[in-house]
């Protein structure tokens, strides 16, 4: 499956650089014209192991693809647009990785859960398409609310008998990126040299940075630690408010998503070094059926779930306090997934 790709025939005359590549990987970006999708597509165009980028959105993908086609890297891009489902399936056909930033962004006063009425249908359509045209693909959901969207997609894939828990991911990399950045600022060190896990989910108090395991060691007071954790948990809202209704976290999310997708690419291609990323996946490490922990990635997806890191008493208490909310999110996602597939 890896690397097989045919562009839709009507597009070949317009974009002659779209071609069948048998050596590299095909990545589909669903929602490629949006605030996350465009910078994400740009960053993925730079990956030397990606030879085919299929960009899907409701409209305007031709212009994005033409723009990308002027960049001097080997990856080729093809546009797919429309909301009837056919174009989405063409874009996802035989994809190795499908990354999904599509959906309604947050506005001031909204939390991620407020997006579910619109974004659930996006996730459902992607899951249904994947079960038909790329059942072996890695699916990486950015669409919020992640805590609900991933269980929803899993439920649909299960109903279609095409579910592999090792290949379905909720991208929570931005929480890790933010934690590294904010800790680096506090410690006055290069944030790229900071290492700490961020576990749980992807909203509010379900985001749990494990500062006790931070390297280099976090040295703040209890009060500073509390403020730092709140800063990490509410960082997305800070961006929404700062943009004053003009969008949510797009550039930082695109960077974080590209990092995660690039890690998936390395895993598929094989790597001598362990590839570890935190992501929201089906899990048995807590009472919650889906949970973000550090994962070792391999050619078939999740190679090993590293489980819960060591935690201090405050972190253990925070974990216990967040689980009821996370479990409720998951229950809502499963129910929505059953509604989409007509299950009782």
C-alpha atoms as a PDB file:
ATOM      1  CA  UNK A   1       0.000   0.000   0.000  1.00  0.00           C
ATOM      2  CA  UNK A   2       2.692   2.501   0.920  1.00  0.00           C
ATOM      3  CA  UNK A   3       3.392   4.987  -1.795  1.00  0.00           C
ATOM      4  CA  UNK A   4       0.662   4.059  -4.320  1.00  0.00           C
ATOM      5  CA  UNK A   5      -1.037   7.158  -5.677  1.00  0.00           C
ATOM      6  CA  UNK A   6      -3.078   8.231  -8.711  1.00  0.00           C
ATOM      7  CA  UNK A   7      -4.381  11.768  -9.105  1.00  0.00           C
ATOM      8  CA  UNK A   8      -7.934  12.251 -10.327  1.00  0.00           C
ATOM      9  CA  UNK A   9      -7.746  12.209 -14.137  1.00  0.00           C
ATOM     10  CA  UNK A  10      -9.498  15.572 -14.741  1.00  0.00           C
ATOM     11  CA  UNK A  11      -6.748  17.291 -12.779  1.00  0.00           C
ATOM     12  CA  UNK A  12      -3.839  15.904 -14.755  1.00  0.00           C
ATOM     13  CA  UNK A  13      -4.064  18.482 -17.492  1.00  0.00           C
ATOM     14  CA  UNK A  14      -4.001  21.353 -15.028  1.00  0.00           C
ATOM     15  CA  UNK A  15      -1.213  20.074 -12.796  1.00  0.00           C
ATOM     16  CA  UNK A  16       1.224  18.025 -14.826  1.00  0.00           C
ATOM     17  CA  UNK A  17       3.555  17.613 -11.843  1.00  0.00           C
ATOM     18  CA  UNK A  18       1.032  15.221 -10.213  1.00  0.00           C
ATOM     19  CA  UNK A  19       2.364  11.773 -10.907  1.00  0.00           C
ATOM     20  CA  UNK A  20       2.388   8.228  -9.614  1.00  0.00           C
ATOM     21  CA  UNK A  21       5.231   7.816  -7.126  1.00  0.00           C
ATOM     22  CA  UNK A  22       6.110   4.268  -6.144  1.00  0.00           C
ATOM     23  CA  UNK A  23       9.099   5.170  -3.950  1.00  0.00           C
ATOM     24  CA  UNK A  24       7.727   7.632  -1.426  1.00  0.00           C
ATOM     25  CA  UNK A  25       4.738   8.098   0.823  1.00  0.00           C
ATOM     26  CA  UNK A  26       1.376   9.659   0.140  1.00  0.00           C
ATOM     27  CA  UNK A  27       0.011  12.053   2.749  1.00  0.00           C
ATOM     28  CA  UNK A  28      -3.488  13.497   2.510  1.00  0.00           C
ATOM     29  CA  UNK A  29      -4.338  16.765   4.274  1.00  0.00           C
ATOM     30  CA  UNK A  30      -8.084  17.162   4.869  1.00  0.00           C
ATOM     31  CA  UNK A  31      -8.825  20.841   5.384  1.00  0.00           C
ATOM     32  CA  UNK A  32      -5.779  21.963   3.445  1.00  0.00           C
ATOM     33  CA  UNK A  33      -6.951  25.511   2.686  1.00  0.00           C
ATOM     34  CA  UNK A  34      -7.638  26.514   6.294  1.00  0.00           C
ATOM     35  CA  UNK A  35      -5.503  28.381   8.783  1.00  0.00           C
ATOM     36  CA  UNK A  36      -3.773  25.179   9.897  1.00  0.00           C
ATOM     37  CA  UNK A  37      -3.963  23.315   6.601  1.00  0.00           C
ATOM     38  CA  UNK A  38      -1.933  25.749   4.488  1.00  0.00           C
ATOM     39  CA  UNK A  39       1.128  26.091   6.751  1.00  0.00           C
ATOM     40  CA  UNK A  40       0.918  22.376   7.548  1.00  0.00           C
ATOM     41  CA  UNK A  41       0.965  21.537   3.833  1.00  0.00           C
ATOM     42  CA  UNK A  42       3.945  23.827   3.374  1.00  0.00           C
ATOM     43  CA  UNK A  43       5.879  22.119   6.158  1.00  0.00           C
ATOM     44  CA  UNK A  44       5.040  18.650   4.854  1.00  0.00           C
ATOM     45  CA  UNK A  45       6.213  19.682   1.378  1.00  0.00           C
ATOM     46  CA  UNK A  46       9.686  19.950   2.920  1.00  0.00           C
ATOM     47  CA  UNK A  47       9.806  16.313   4.035  1.00  0.00           C
ATOM     48  CA  UNK A  48      12.037  14.370   1.603  1.00  0.00           C
ATOM     49  CA  UNK A  49      10.200  11.095   2.290  1.00  0.00           C
ATOM     50  CA  UNK A  50       6.811  12.479   1.232  1.00  0.00           C
ATOM     51  CA  UNK A  51       6.458  12.311  -2.528  1.00  0.00           C
ATOM     52  CA  UNK A  52       2.703  12.828  -2.877  1.00  0.00           C
ATOM     53  CA  UNK A  53       0.594  15.418  -1.058  1.00  0.00           C
ATOM     54  CA  UNK A  54      -3.153  15.224  -1.679  1.00  0.00           C
ATOM     55  CA  UNK A  55      -4.815  18.422  -0.505  1.00  0.00           C
ATOM     56  CA  UNK A  56      -8.559  18.368   0.100  1.00  0.00           C
ATOM     57  CA  UNK A  57     -10.961  21.106   1.089  1.00  0.00           C
ATOM     58  CA  UNK A  58     -14.378  22.380   0.104  1.00  0.00           C
ATOM     59  CA  UNK A  59     -12.859  24.903  -2.320  1.00  0.00           C
ATOM     60  CA  UNK A  60      -9.732  26.804  -3.396  1.00  0.00           C
ATOM     61  CA  UNK A  61      -7.284  23.889  -3.331  1.00  0.00           C
ATOM     62  CA  UNK A  62      -6.112  24.649  -6.907  1.00  0.00           C
ATOM     63  CA  UNK A  63      -4.485  27.876  -5.781  1.00  0.00           C
ATOM     64  CA  UNK A  64      -2.800  26.309  -2.760  1.00  0.00           C
ATOM     65  CA  UNK A  65      -1.399  23.512  -4.899  1.00  0.00           C
ATOM     66  CA  UNK A  66      -0.158  25.947  -7.552  1.00  0.00           C
ATOM     67  CA  UNK A  67       1.536  27.978  -4.827  1.00  0.00           C
ATOM     68  CA  UNK A  68       3.202  24.874  -3.353  1.00  0.00           C
ATOM     69  CA  UNK A  69       4.286  23.711  -6.800  1.00  0.00           C
ATOM     70  CA  UNK A  70       6.780  26.581  -6.971  1.00  0.00           C
ATOM     71  CA  UNK A  71       8.746  25.245  -3.982  1.00  0.00           C
ATOM     72  CA  UNK A  72      11.923  23.410  -4.983  1.00  0.00           C
ATOM     73  CA  UNK A  73      11.392  20.151  -3.105  1.00  0.00           C
ATOM     74  CA  UNK A  74      10.572  16.776  -4.699  1.00  0.00           C
ATOM     75  CA  UNK A  75       7.095  16.290  -3.198  1.00  0.00           C
ATOM     76  CA  UNK A  76       4.256  16.754  -5.659  1.00  0.00           C
ATOM     77  CA  UNK A  77       0.824  18.039  -4.691  1.00  0.00           C
ATOM     78  CA  UNK A  78      -2.628  17.448  -6.146  1.00  0.00           C
ATOM     79  CA  UNK A  79      -5.850  19.383  -5.419  1.00  0.00           C
ATOM     80  CA  UNK A  80      -9.176  17.837  -4.509  1.00  0.00           C
ATOM     81  CA  UNK A  81     -12.211  19.855  -3.554  1.00  0.00           C
ATOM     82  CA  UNK A  82     -15.904  19.472  -2.901  1.00  0.00           C
ATOM     83  CA  UNK A  83     -18.251  18.442  -0.122  1.00  0.00           C
ATOM     84  CA  UNK A  84     -20.014  15.492  -1.715  1.00  0.00           C
ATOM     85  CA  UNK A  85     -17.666  12.852  -0.302  1.00  0.00           C
ATOM     86  CA  UNK A  86     -16.404  11.699  -3.694  1.00  0.00           C
ATOM     87  CA  UNK A  87     -13.544  14.172  -3.807  1.00  0.00           C
ATOM     88  CA  UNK A  88     -12.555  13.272  -0.257  1.00  0.00           C
ATOM     89  CA  UNK A  89     -12.360   9.608  -1.171  1.00  0.00           C
ATOM     90  CA  UNK A  90     -10.274  10.411  -4.248  1.00  0.00           C
ATOM     91  CA  UNK A  91      -7.905  12.472  -2.114  1.00  0.00           C
ATOM     92  CA  UNK A  92      -7.579   9.720   0.495  1.00  0.00           C
ATOM     93  CA  UNK A  93      -7.284   6.833  -1.984  1.00  0.00           C
ATOM     94  CA  UNK A  94      -4.370   4.610  -0.947  1.00  0.00           C
ATOM     95  CA  UNK A  95      -2.967   7.233   1.408  1.00  0.00           C
ATOM     96  CA  UNK A  96      -0.302   6.173   3.888  1.00  0.00           C
ATOM     97  CA  UNK A  97      -1.112   8.991   6.313  1.00  0.00           C
ATOM     98  CA  UNK A  98      -4.223  11.156   6.539  1.00  0.00           C
ATOM     99  CA  UNK A  99      -3.921  14.250   8.712  1.00  0.00           C
ATOM    100  CA  UNK A 100      -7.140  16.122   9.475  1.00  0.00           C
ATOM    101  CA  UNK A 101      -7.082  19.809  10.472  1.00  0.00           C
ATOM    102  CA  UNK A 102     -10.525  20.360   8.879  1.00  0.00           C
ATOM    103  CA  UNK A 103     -13.301  21.807  10.976  1.00  0.00           C
ATOM    104  CA  UNK A 104     -14.619  24.949  12.598  1.00  0.00           C
ATOM    105  CA  UNK A 105     -11.992  26.886  14.605  1.00  0.00           C
ATOM    106  CA  UNK A 106     -12.677  28.325  18.033  1.00  0.00           C
ATOM    107  CA  UNK A 107     -13.798  31.900  18.553  1.00  0.00           C
ATOM    108  CA  UNK A 108     -13.571  33.999  21.732  1.00  0.00           C
ATOM    109  CA  UNK A 109     -15.819  32.624  24.459  1.00  0.00           C
ATOM    110  CA  UNK A 110     -15.883  29.121  22.968  1.00  0.00           C
ATOM    111  CA  UNK A 111     -14.243  26.034  24.380  1.00  0.00           C
ATOM    112  CA  UNK A 112     -13.229  23.062  22.276  1.00  0.00           C
ATOM    113  CA  UNK A 113     -16.361  21.090  23.195  1.00  0.00           C
ATOM    114  CA  UNK A 114     -18.535  23.810  21.632  1.00  0.00           C
ATOM    115  CA  UNK A 115     -17.215  22.743  18.218  1.00  0.00           C
ATOM    116  CA  UNK A 116     -18.605  19.220  18.301  1.00  0.00           C
ATOM    117  CA  UNK A 117     -21.886  19.866  16.456  1.00  0.00           C
ATOM    118  CA  UNK A 118     -20.050  20.945  13.308  1.00  0.00           C
ATOM    119  CA  UNK A 119     -16.801  19.034  13.557  1.00  0.00           C
ATOM    120  CA  UNK A 120     -18.283  15.630  14.381  1.00  0.00           C
ATOM    121  CA  UNK A 121     -19.599  15.325  10.835  1.00  0.00           C
ATOM    122  CA  UNK A 122     -16.138  16.104   9.437  1.00  0.00           C
ATOM    123  CA  UNK A 123     -14.547  13.352  11.519  1.00  0.00           C
ATOM    124  CA  UNK A 124     -17.286  10.886  10.650  1.00  0.00           C
ATOM    125  CA  UNK A 125     -16.890  11.507   6.923  1.00  0.00           C
ATOM    126  CA  UNK A 126     -13.122  11.003   7.133  1.00  0.00           C
ATOM    127  CA  UNK A 127     -13.506   7.776   9.120  1.00  0.00           C
ATOM    128  CA  UNK A 128     -16.059   6.416   6.649  1.00  0.00           C
ATOM    129  CA  UNK A 129     -13.854   7.336   3.695  1.00  0.00           C
ATOM    130  CA  UNK A 130     -10.794   5.766   5.323  1.00  0.00           C
ATOM    131  CA  UNK A 131     -12.627   2.488   5.850  1.00  0.00           C
ATOM    132  CA  UNK A 132     -13.339   2.355   2.123  1.00  0.00           C
ATOM    133  CA  UNK A 133     -10.270   3.707   0.339  1.00  0.00           C
ATOM    134  CA  UNK A 134      -7.293   3.583   2.733  1.00  0.00           C
ATOM    135  CA  UNK A 135      -8.057   1.112   5.549  1.00  0.00           C
ATOM    136  CA  UNK A 136      -4.361   0.730   6.394  1.00  0.00           C
ATOM    137  CA  UNK A 137      -3.610   4.445   6.675  1.00  0.00           C
ATOM    138  CA  UNK A 138      -2.453   6.211   9.808  1.00  0.00           C
ATOM    139  CA  UNK A 139      -5.183   8.708  10.760  1.00  0.00           C
ATOM    140  CA  UNK A 140      -3.995  11.775  12.665  1.00  0.00           C
ATOM    141  CA  UNK A 141      -6.862  13.976  13.873  1.00  0.00           C
ATOM    142  CA  UNK A 142      -6.284  17.626  14.708  1.00  0.00           C
ATOM    143  CA  UNK A 143      -9.989  18.500  14.503  1.00  0.00           C
ATOM    144  CA  UNK A 144     -11.318  19.611  17.881  1.00  0.00           C
ATOM    145  CA  UNK A 145     -12.553  18.530  20.347  1.00  0.00           C
ATOM    146  CA  UNK A 146      -9.927  15.779  20.182  1.00  0.00           C
ATOM    147  CA  UNK A 147     -11.203  14.142  23.389  1.00  0.00           C
ATOM    148  CA  UNK A 148     -14.499  13.392  21.601  1.00  0.00           C
ATOM    149  CA  UNK A 149     -13.463  13.191  17.946  1.00  0.00           C
ATOM    150  CA  UNK A 150     -11.045  10.264  18.299  1.00  0.00           C
ATOM    151  CA  UNK A 151     -13.509   7.964  20.129  1.00  0.00           C
ATOM    152  CA  UNK A 152     -16.125   8.946  17.545  1.00  0.00           C
ATOM    153  CA  UNK A 153     -13.823   7.956  14.665  1.00  0.00           C
ATOM    154  CA  UNK A 154     -12.849   4.723  16.426  1.00  0.00           C
ATOM    155  CA  UNK A 155     -16.500   3.768  16.851  1.00  0.00           C
ATOM    156  CA  UNK A 156     -17.213   4.318  13.164  1.00  0.00           C
ATOM    157  CA  UNK A 157     -14.149   2.356  12.069  1.00  0.00           C
ATOM    158  CA  UNK A 158     -15.137  -0.500  14.382  1.00  0.00           C
ATOM    159  CA  UNK A 159     -18.617  -0.564  12.852  1.00  0.00           C
ATOM    160  CA  UNK A 160     -17.003  -0.828   9.422  1.00  0.00           C
ATOM    161  CA  UNK A 161     -14.654  -3.605  10.626  1.00  0.00           C
ATOM    162  CA  UNK A 162     -11.630  -1.492   9.696  1.00  0.00           C
ATOM    163  CA  UNK A 163     -10.352  -0.371  13.074  1.00  0.00           C
ATOM    164  CA  UNK A 164      -6.719  -0.699  14.064  1.00  0.00           C
ATOM    165  CA  UNK A 165      -6.079   1.066  17.405  1.00  0.00           C
ATOM    166  CA  UNK A 166      -2.393   1.320  16.549  1.00  0.00           C
ATOM    167  CA  UNK A 167      -3.132   3.564  13.567  1.00  0.00           C
ATOM    168  CA  UNK A 168      -5.594   6.109  14.992  1.00  0.00           C
ATOM    169  CA  UNK A 169      -4.168   9.181  16.727  1.00  0.00           C
ATOM    170  CA  UNK A 170      -5.382  12.396  18.284  1.00  0.00           C
ATOM    171  CA  UNK A 171      -2.580  14.905  17.784  1.00  0.00           C
ATOM    172  CA  UNK A 172      -1.740  16.442  21.173  1.00  0.00           C
ATOM    173  CA  UNK A 173       1.789  17.430  20.186  1.00  0.00           C
ATOM    174  CA  UNK A 174       0.973  21.118  20.582  1.00  0.00           C
ATOM    175  CA  UNK A 175       0.540  20.621  24.334  1.00  0.00           C
ATOM    176  CA  UNK A 176       4.050  19.181  24.477  1.00  0.00           C
ATOM    177  CA  UNK A 177       5.452  21.973  22.300  1.00  0.00           C
ATOM    178  CA  UNK A 178       3.849  24.605  24.510  1.00  0.00           C
ATOM    179  CA  UNK A 179       5.057  22.942  27.688  1.00  0.00           C
ATOM    180  CA  UNK A 180       8.632  22.799  26.351  1.00  0.00           C
ATOM    181  CA  UNK A 181       8.449  26.442  25.287  1.00  0.00           C
ATOM    182  CA  UNK A 182       7.043  27.772  28.555  1.00  0.00           C
ATOM    183  CA  UNK A 183       9.400  25.703  30.714  1.00  0.00           C
ATOM    184  CA  UNK A 184      12.337  26.782  28.554  1.00  0.00           C
ATOM    185  CA  UNK A 185      11.334  30.414  29.020  1.00  0.00           C
ATOM    186  CA  UNK A 186      11.081  29.953  32.789  1.00  0.00           C
ATOM    187  CA  UNK A 187      14.420  28.152  33.085  1.00  0.00           C
ATOM    188  CA  UNK A 188      16.093  30.409  30.507  1.00  0.00           C
ATOM    189  CA  UNK A 189      17.193  27.428  28.419  1.00  0.00           C
ATOM    190  CA  UNK A 190      16.704  26.435  24.795  1.00  0.00           C
ATOM    191  CA  UNK A 191      13.143  24.990  24.705  1.00  0.00           C
ATOM    192  CA  UNK A 192      14.203  22.350  22.194  1.00  0.00           C
ATOM    193  CA  UNK A 193      16.431  20.913  24.929  1.00  0.00           C
ATOM    194  CA  UNK A 194      13.525  20.575  27.373  1.00  0.00           C
ATOM    195  CA  UNK A 195      11.906  17.156  27.682  1.00  0.00           C
ATOM    196  CA  UNK A 196       8.711  16.346  29.589  1.00  0.00           C
ATOM    197  CA  UNK A 197       5.612  14.258  28.935  1.00  0.00           C
ATOM    198  CA  UNK A 198       2.148  15.794  28.690  1.00  0.00           C
ATOM    199  CA  UNK A 199      -0.565  13.216  29.303  1.00  0.00           C
ATOM    200  CA  UNK A 200      -4.366  12.972  29.408  1.00  0.00           C
ATOM    201  CA  UNK A 201      -6.494  14.731  26.815  1.00  0.00           C
ATOM    202  CA  UNK A 202      -6.513  17.969  24.873  1.00  0.00           C
ATOM    203  CA  UNK A 203      -8.682  20.453  26.715  1.00  0.00           C
ATOM    204  CA  UNK A 204      -8.484  22.342  29.996  1.00  0.00           C
ATOM    205  CA  UNK A 205      -7.606  20.283  33.029  1.00  0.00           C
ATOM    206  CA  UNK A 206      -7.401  17.067  30.984  1.00  0.00           C
ATOM    207  CA  UNK A 207      -4.055  18.421  29.742  1.00  0.00           C
ATOM    208  CA  UNK A 208      -1.559  17.297  32.388  1.00  0.00           C
ATOM    209  CA  UNK A 209       2.110  18.280  32.017  1.00  0.00           C
ATOM    210  CA  UNK A 210       4.290  16.072  34.222  1.00  0.00           C
ATOM    211  CA  UNK A 211       6.699  18.685  35.519  1.00  0.00           C
ATOM    212  CA  UNK A 212       8.189  16.279  38.065  1.00  0.00           C
ATOM    213  CA  UNK A 213       9.792  14.407  35.145  1.00  0.00           C
ATOM    214  CA  UNK A 214      11.043  17.512  33.350  1.00  0.00           C
ATOM    215  CA  UNK A 215      14.614  17.519  32.054  1.00  0.00           C
ATOM    216  CA  UNK A 216      16.303  19.781  32.945  1.00  0.00           C
ATOM    217  CA  UNK A 217      14.591  19.806  36.316  1.00  0.00           C
ATOM    218  CA  UNK A 218      11.825  22.343  36.830  1.00  0.00           C
ATOM    219  CA  UNK A 219      12.758  24.533  39.792  1.00  0.00           C
ATOM    220  CA  UNK A 220       9.731  26.787  40.298  1.00  0.00           C
ATOM    221  CA  UNK A 221       7.859  27.316  43.535  1.00  0.00           C
ATOM    222  CA  UNK A 222       4.467  25.682  44.136  1.00  0.00           C
ATOM    223  CA  UNK A 223       2.744  28.911  43.139  1.00  0.00           C
ATOM    224  CA  UNK A 224       4.827  29.241  39.978  1.00  0.00           C
ATOM    225  CA  UNK A 225       4.166  25.608  39.126  1.00  0.00           C
ATOM    226  CA  UNK A 226       0.409  26.119  39.456  1.00  0.00           C
ATOM    227  CA  UNK A 227       0.556  29.162  37.186  1.00  0.00           C
ATOM    228  CA  UNK A 228       2.703  27.338  34.631  1.00  0.00           C
ATOM    229  CA  UNK A 229       0.308  24.389  34.443  1.00  0.00           C
ATOM    230  CA  UNK A 230      -2.627  26.774  33.977  1.00  0.00           C
ATOM    231  CA  UNK A 231      -0.660  28.590  31.269  1.00  0.00           C
ATOM    232  CA  UNK A 232      -0.122  25.323  29.373  1.00  0.00           C
ATOM    233  CA  UNK A 233      -3.756  24.242  29.788  1.00  0.00           C
ATOM    234  CA  UNK A 234      -5.214  27.581  28.679  1.00  0.00           C
ATOM    235  CA  UNK A 235      -2.661  28.481  25.997  1.00  0.00           C
ATOM    236  CA  UNK A 236      -5.081  27.812  23.164  1.00  0.00           C
ATOM    237  CA  UNK A 237      -7.635  30.175  24.674  1.00  0.00           C
ATOM    238  CA  UNK A 238      -4.917  32.804  25.029  1.00  0.00           C
ATOM    239  CA  UNK A 239      -4.313  32.640  21.272  1.00  0.00           C
ATOM    240  CA  UNK A 240      -8.041  32.777  20.457  1.00  0.00           C
ATOM    241  CA  UNK A 241      -8.457  35.862  22.642  1.00  0.00           C
ATOM    242  CA  UNK A 242      -5.325  37.543  21.273  1.00  0.00           C
ATOM    243  CA  UNK A 243      -6.563  37.096  17.691  1.00  0.00           C
ATOM    244  CA  UNK A 244      -9.857  38.780  18.671  1.00  0.00           C
ATOM    245  CA  UNK A 245     -12.107  36.584  16.606  1.00  0.00           C
ATOM    246  CA  UNK A 246      -9.745  36.195  13.661  1.00  0.00           C
ATOM    247  CA  UNK A 247      -8.832  32.581  14.359  1.00  0.00           C
ATOM    248  CA  UNK A 248      -7.291  30.141  16.775  1.00  0.00           C
ATOM    249  CA  UNK A 249      -3.831  28.596  17.109  1.00  0.00           C
ATOM    250  CA  UNK A 250      -2.908  27.927  13.488  1.00  0.00           C
ATOM    251  CA  UNK A 251       0.842  28.403  13.042  1.00  0.00           C
ATOM    252  CA  UNK A 252       1.856  26.666  16.263  1.00  0.00           C
ATOM    253  CA  UNK A 253      -0.634  23.869  15.563  1.00  0.00           C
ATOM    254  CA  UNK A 254       0.699  23.435  12.033  1.00  0.00           C
ATOM    255  CA  UNK A 255       4.235  23.205  13.408  1.00  0.00           C
ATOM    256  CA  UNK A 256       3.219  20.663  16.039  1.00  0.00           C
ATOM    257  CA  UNK A 257       1.199  18.603  13.564  1.00  0.00           C
ATOM    258  CA  UNK A 258       4.036  18.543  11.057  1.00  0.00           C
ATOM    259  CA  UNK A 259       6.348  17.314  13.791  1.00  0.00           C
ATOM    260  CA  UNK A 260       3.952  14.477  14.579  1.00  0.00           C
ATOM    261  CA  UNK A 261       3.389  13.547  10.926  1.00  0.00           C
ATOM    262  CA  UNK A 262       7.133  13.638  10.293  1.00  0.00           C
ATOM    263  CA  UNK A 263       7.550  11.218  13.203  1.00  0.00           C
ATOM    264  CA  UNK A 264       4.957   8.915  11.608  1.00  0.00           C
ATOM    265  CA  UNK A 265       6.888   9.106   8.337  1.00  0.00           C
ATOM    266  CA  UNK A 266      10.134   8.180  10.103  1.00  0.00           C
ATOM    267  CA  UNK A 267       8.356   5.284  11.791  1.00  0.00           C
ATOM    268  CA  UNK A 268       6.975   3.969   8.507  1.00  0.00           C
ATOM    269  CA  UNK A 269      10.333   4.270   6.763  1.00  0.00           C
ATOM    270  CA  UNK A 270      12.124   2.612   9.671  1.00  0.00           C
ATOM    271  CA  UNK A 271      14.453   4.297  12.113  1.00  0.00           C
ATOM    272  CA  UNK A 272      17.453   3.104  14.079  1.00  0.00           C
ATOM    273  CA  UNK A 273      16.503   5.466  16.909  1.00  0.00           C
ATOM    274  CA  UNK A 274      13.316   5.079  18.989  1.00  0.00           C
ATOM    275  CA  UNK A 275      10.603   7.489  17.864  1.00  0.00           C
ATOM    276  CA  UNK A 276       8.571   8.665  20.859  1.00  0.00           C
ATOM    277  CA  UNK A 277       5.621  11.050  20.707  1.00  0.00           C
ATOM    278  CA  UNK A 278       2.693  11.729  23.016  1.00  0.00           C
ATOM    279  CA  UNK A 279      -0.701  11.194  21.353  1.00  0.00           C
ATOM    280  CA  UNK A 280      -4.313  10.563  22.337  1.00  0.00           C
ATOM    281  CA  UNK A 281      -5.075   6.921  21.513  1.00  0.00           C
ATOM    282  CA  UNK A 282      -7.061   3.925  22.683  1.00  0.00           C
ATOM    283  CA  UNK A 283      -5.481   2.982  25.983  1.00  0.00           C
ATOM    284  CA  UNK A 284      -5.736   0.771  29.044  1.00  0.00           C
ATOM    285  CA  UNK A 285      -3.300   2.704  31.221  1.00  0.00           C
ATOM    286  CA  UNK A 286      -6.149   4.431  33.112  1.00  0.00           C
ATOM    287  CA  UNK A 287      -9.919   4.051  33.498  1.00  0.00           C
ATOM    288  CA  UNK A 288     -10.361   6.206  30.393  1.00  0.00           C
ATOM    289  CA  UNK A 289     -10.626   4.224  27.143  1.00  0.00           C
ATOM    290  CA  UNK A 290      -8.610   6.880  25.316  1.00  0.00           C
ATOM    291  CA  UNK A 291      -5.654   8.671  26.832  1.00  0.00           C
ATOM    292  CA  UNK A 292      -2.498  10.471  25.776  1.00  0.00           C
ATOM    293  CA  UNK A 293       0.819   9.049  26.950  1.00  0.00           C
ATOM    294  CA  UNK A 294       4.278   8.700  25.388  1.00  0.00           C
ATOM    295  CA  UNK A 295       4.216   6.158  22.552  1.00  0.00           C
ATOM    296  CA  UNK A 296       6.960   4.369  20.668  1.00  0.00           C
ATOM    297  CA  UNK A 297       6.063   4.508  16.975  1.00  0.00           C
ATOM    298  CA  UNK A 298       6.952   1.876  14.402  1.00  0.00           C
ATOM    299  CA  UNK A 299       6.092   0.868  10.826  1.00  0.00           C
ATOM    300  CA  UNK A 300       2.690  -0.501  11.927  1.00  0.00           C
ATOM    301  CA  UNK A 301       1.820   2.459  14.128  1.00  0.00           C
ATOM    302  CA  UNK A 302       2.019   2.206  17.894  1.00  0.00           C
ATOM    303  CA  UNK A 303       4.840  -0.161  18.694  1.00  0.00           C
ATOM    304  CA  UNK A 304       4.633   0.317  22.460  1.00  0.00           C
ATOM    305  CA  UNK A 305       2.593   2.450  24.833  1.00  0.00           C
ATOM    306  CA  UNK A 306       5.042   3.585  27.504  1.00  0.00           C
ATOM    307  CA  UNK A 307       2.194   4.138  29.946  1.00  0.00           C
ATOM    308  CA  UNK A 308       1.980   6.612  32.768  1.00  0.00           C
ATOM    309  CA  UNK A 309       5.224   8.311  33.758  1.00  0.00           C
ATOM    310  CA  UNK A 310       6.212   8.509  37.397  1.00  0.00           C
ATOM    311  CA  UNK A 311       4.203  11.264  39.069  1.00  0.00           C
ATOM    312  CA  UNK A 312       4.359  13.171  42.317  1.00  0.00           C
ATOM    313  CA  UNK A 313       1.380  13.470  44.663  1.00  0.00           C
ATOM    314  CA  UNK A 314       0.050  16.654  43.041  1.00  0.00           C
ATOM    315  CA  UNK A 315       0.140  15.115  39.587  1.00  0.00           C
ATOM    316  CA  UNK A 316      -1.507  11.914  40.793  1.00  0.00           C
ATOM    317  CA  UNK A 317      -4.311  13.976  42.316  1.00  0.00           C
ATOM    318  CA  UNK A 318      -4.685  16.027  39.129  1.00  0.00           C
ATOM    319  CA  UNK A 319      -4.968  12.800  37.144  1.00  0.00           C
ATOM    320  CA  UNK A 320      -7.751  11.513  39.375  1.00  0.00           C
ATOM    321  CA  UNK A 321      -9.585  14.838  39.135  1.00  0.00           C
ATOM    322  CA  UNK A 322      -9.455  14.973  35.336  1.00  0.00           C
ATOM    323  CA  UNK A 323     -10.576  11.394  34.639  1.00  0.00           C
ATOM    324  CA  UNK A 324     -14.340  11.933  35.147  1.00  0.00           C
ATOM    325  CA  UNK A 325     -14.367  14.766  32.593  1.00  0.00           C
ATOM    326  CA  UNK A 326     -12.261  12.802  30.124  1.00  0.00           C
ATOM    327  CA  UNK A 327     -14.444   9.698  30.494  1.00  0.00           C
ATOM    328  CA  UNK A 328     -17.551  11.804  29.861  1.00  0.00           C
ATOM    329  CA  UNK A 329     -15.961  13.212  26.691  1.00  0.00           C
ATOM    330  CA  UNK A 330     -15.185   9.686  25.515  1.00  0.00           C
ATOM    331  CA  UNK A 331     -18.721   8.475  26.220  1.00  0.00           C
ATOM    332  CA  UNK A 332     -20.069  11.378  24.150  1.00  0.00           C
ATOM    333  CA  UNK A 333     -17.729  10.491  21.300  1.00  0.00           C
ATOM    334  CA  UNK A 334     -18.752   6.836  21.302  1.00  0.00           C
ATOM    335  CA  UNK A 335     -22.433   7.788  21.355  1.00  0.00           C
ATOM    336  CA  UNK A 336     -21.983  10.152  18.415  1.00  0.00           C
ATOM    337  CA  UNK A 337     -20.114   7.480  16.503  1.00  0.00           C
ATOM    338  CA  UNK A 338     -22.967   5.047  17.047  1.00  0.00           C
ATOM    339  CA  UNK A 339     -25.460   7.680  15.918  1.00  0.00           C
ATOM    340  CA  UNK A 340     -23.569   8.144  12.651  1.00  0.00           C
ATOM    341  CA  UNK A 341     -23.533   4.408  11.961  1.00  0.00           C
ATOM    342  CA  UNK A 342     -27.066   3.702  13.171  1.00  0.00           C
ATOM    343  CA  UNK A 343     -26.007   1.522  16.087  1.00  0.00           C
ATOM    344  CA  UNK A 344     -28.210   1.106  19.162  1.00  0.00           C
END
